[in-house]
C-alpha atoms as a PDB file:
ATOM      1  CA  UNK A   1      -0.011  -0.004   0.012  1.00  0.00           C
ATOM      2  CA  UNK A   2       1.411   3.371  -1.026  1.00  0.00           C
ATOM      3  CA  UNK A   3       0.651   6.087   1.478  1.00  0.00           C
ATOM      4  CA  UNK A   4       0.645   9.780   0.634  1.00  0.00           C
ATOM      5  CA  UNK A   5       3.608  11.658   2.140  1.00  0.00           C
ATOM      6  CA  UNK A   6       3.169  15.251   3.294  1.00  0.00           C
ATOM      7  CA  UNK A   7       5.736  17.689   4.670  1.00  0.00           C
ATOM      8  CA  UNK A   8       4.843  18.814   8.234  1.00  0.00           C
ATOM      9  CA  UNK A   9       5.100  22.448   7.014  1.00  0.00           C
ATOM     10  CA  UNK A  10       2.509  22.011   4.256  1.00  0.00           C
ATOM     11  CA  UNK A  11      -0.064  24.764   4.747  1.00  0.00           C
ATOM     12  CA  UNK A  12      -2.880  22.343   3.825  1.00  0.00           C
ATOM     13  CA  UNK A  13      -1.990  20.101   6.781  1.00  0.00           C
ATOM     14  CA  UNK A  14      -4.048  21.133   9.839  1.00  0.00           C
ATOM     15  CA  UNK A  15      -4.549  19.864  13.357  1.00  0.00           C
ATOM     16  CA  UNK A  16      -7.894  19.257  15.041  1.00  0.00           C
ATOM     17  CA  UNK A  17      -9.087  19.520  18.581  1.00  0.00           C
ATOM     18  CA  UNK A  18      -7.170  17.118  20.857  1.00  0.00           C
ATOM     19  CA  UNK A  19      -8.899  13.785  21.477  1.00  0.00           C
ATOM     20  CA  UNK A  20      -9.803  12.542  24.969  1.00  0.00           C
ATOM     21  CA  UNK A  21      -6.162  11.626  25.600  1.00  0.00           C
ATOM     22  CA  UNK A  22      -4.928  15.108  24.684  1.00  0.00           C
ATOM     23  CA  UNK A  23      -3.406  14.225  21.293  1.00  0.00           C
ATOM     24  CA  UNK A  24      -4.294  16.271  18.216  1.00  0.00           C
ATOM     25  CA  UNK A  25      -5.849  14.736  15.124  1.00  0.00           C
ATOM     26  CA  UNK A  26      -4.468  15.564  11.679  1.00  0.00           C
ATOM     27  CA  UNK A  27      -6.313  16.734   8.553  1.00  0.00           C
ATOM     28  CA  UNK A  28      -5.184  17.363   4.985  1.00  0.00           C
ATOM     29  CA  UNK A  29      -7.218  19.581   2.649  1.00  0.00           C
ATOM     30  CA  UNK A  30      -9.921  19.614   5.352  1.00  0.00           C
ATOM     31  CA  UNK A  31     -10.301  15.820   5.324  1.00  0.00           C
ATOM     32  CA  UNK A  32      -9.216  13.091   7.747  1.00  0.00           C
ATOM     33  CA  UNK A  33      -5.623  12.262   6.876  1.00  0.00           C
ATOM     34  CA  UNK A  34      -4.238   8.812   6.150  1.00  0.00           C
ATOM     35  CA  UNK A  35      -0.587   8.767   5.201  1.00  0.00           C
ATOM     36  CA  UNK A  36       2.832   9.819   6.444  1.00  0.00           C
ATOM     37  CA  UNK A  37       3.826  13.233   7.746  1.00  0.00           C
ATOM     38  CA  UNK A  38       7.511  13.975   7.167  1.00  0.00           C
ATOM     39  CA  UNK A  39       9.613  16.515   9.048  1.00  0.00           C
ATOM     40  CA  UNK A  40      12.804  17.986   7.559  1.00  0.00           C
ATOM     41  CA  UNK A  41      15.690  20.039   8.934  1.00  0.00           C
ATOM     42  CA  UNK A  42      17.664  21.775   6.148  1.00  0.00           C
ATOM     43  CA  UNK A  43      16.287  19.291   3.569  1.00  0.00           C
ATOM     44  CA  UNK A  44      17.327  16.311   5.746  1.00  0.00           C
ATOM     45  CA  UNK A  45      14.533  13.925   6.833  1.00  0.00           C
ATOM     46  CA  UNK A  46      14.473  13.890  10.652  1.00  0.00           C
ATOM     47  CA  UNK A  47      11.061  12.342  11.368  1.00  0.00           C
ATOM     48  CA  UNK A  48       8.194  10.298   9.868  1.00  0.00           C
ATOM     49  CA  UNK A  49       4.850   9.872  11.560  1.00  0.00           C
ATOM     50  CA  UNK A  50       2.160   7.571  10.171  1.00  0.00           C
ATOM     51  CA  UNK A  51      -1.549   8.450  10.449  1.00  0.00           C
ATOM     52  CA  UNK A  52      -4.769   6.538   9.808  1.00  0.00           C
ATOM     53  CA  UNK A  53      -8.051   8.428   9.609  1.00  0.00           C
ATOM     54  CA  UNK A  54      -6.462  11.461  11.365  1.00  0.00           C
ATOM     55  CA  UNK A  55      -5.009   9.448  14.278  1.00  0.00           C
ATOM     56  CA  UNK A  56      -1.323   8.573  14.715  1.00  0.00           C
ATOM     57  CA  UNK A  57      -1.311   4.870  13.906  1.00  0.00           C
ATOM     58  CA  UNK A  58       1.729   2.985  12.835  1.00  0.00           C
ATOM     59  CA  UNK A  59       5.460   3.636  12.801  1.00  0.00           C
ATOM     60  CA  UNK A  60       6.948   6.812  14.250  1.00  0.00           C
ATOM     61  CA  UNK A  61      10.617   7.233  13.281  1.00  0.00           C
ATOM     62  CA  UNK A  62      13.212   9.825  14.205  1.00  0.00           C
ATOM     63  CA  UNK A  63      16.542  10.194  12.364  1.00  0.00           C
ATOM     64  CA  UNK A  64      19.898  11.774  13.079  1.00  0.00           C
ATOM     65  CA  UNK A  65      21.058  14.462  10.648  1.00  0.00           C
ATOM     66  CA  UNK A  66      23.277  11.840   8.978  1.00  0.00           C
ATOM     67  CA  UNK A  67      20.228   9.756   8.045  1.00  0.00           C
ATOM     68  CA  UNK A  68      20.797   7.018  10.649  1.00  0.00           C
ATOM     69  CA  UNK A  69      17.793   5.877  12.590  1.00  0.00           C
ATOM     70  CA  UNK A  70      17.666   7.598  15.973  1.00  0.00           C
ATOM     71  CA  UNK A  71      14.532   5.998  17.392  1.00  0.00           C
ATOM     72  CA  UNK A  72      11.299   4.250  16.509  1.00  0.00           C
ATOM     73  CA  UNK A  73       8.033   3.509  18.162  1.00  0.00           C
ATOM     74  CA  UNK A  74       4.529   2.470  17.185  1.00  0.00           C
ATOM     75  CA  UNK A  75       1.151   4.050  17.922  1.00  0.00           C
ATOM     76  CA  UNK A  76      -2.433   3.043  17.426  1.00  0.00           C
ATOM     77  CA  UNK A  77      -5.226   5.628  17.709  1.00  0.00           C
ATOM     78  CA  UNK A  78      -2.839   8.207  19.238  1.00  0.00           C
ATOM     79  CA  UNK A  79      -1.529   5.795  21.897  1.00  0.00           C
ATOM     80  CA  UNK A  80       1.892   4.117  22.093  1.00  0.00           C
ATOM     81  CA  UNK A  81       1.919   0.348  21.898  1.00  0.00           C
ATOM     82  CA  UNK A  82       4.695  -2.223  21.695  1.00  0.00           C
ATOM     83  CA  UNK A  83       8.279  -1.298  22.205  1.00  0.00           C
ATOM     84  CA  UNK A  84      10.146   1.964  21.694  1.00  0.00           C
ATOM     85  CA  UNK A  85      13.816   1.861  20.709  1.00  0.00           C
ATOM     86  CA  UNK A  86      16.464   4.564  20.589  1.00  0.00           C
ATOM     87  CA  UNK A  87      20.034   4.426  19.244  1.00  0.00           C
ATOM     88  CA  UNK A  88      23.073   6.607  19.942  1.00  0.00           C
END
C-alpha cells in the first residue's frame, strides 16, 4: 500500500481539537488524513509519523542528521503500543 507523504510544514496540513487523551488529530485539505507526515531540517529527513483516519497509527521514526535511525516507536489511535527503541 502506497501512502501519501506530506511535509509537516505544508499549509494544507491542519490539526484538530485534541482527542480525549490530549493528542491532536491531523487533517489534509480539510479531510481526515491517512498517510505519512515527514519533518525535515535543512532538507534532511528527521522524522516520519504515520496516520490513519487522522490518528497517529503505525510507525513513528526519528533520524539523526546523517540519516541514521535515531529512534522508532509504534502508535495506534494516538496511543503508544509495543516497544520503543532509541540508538546513539
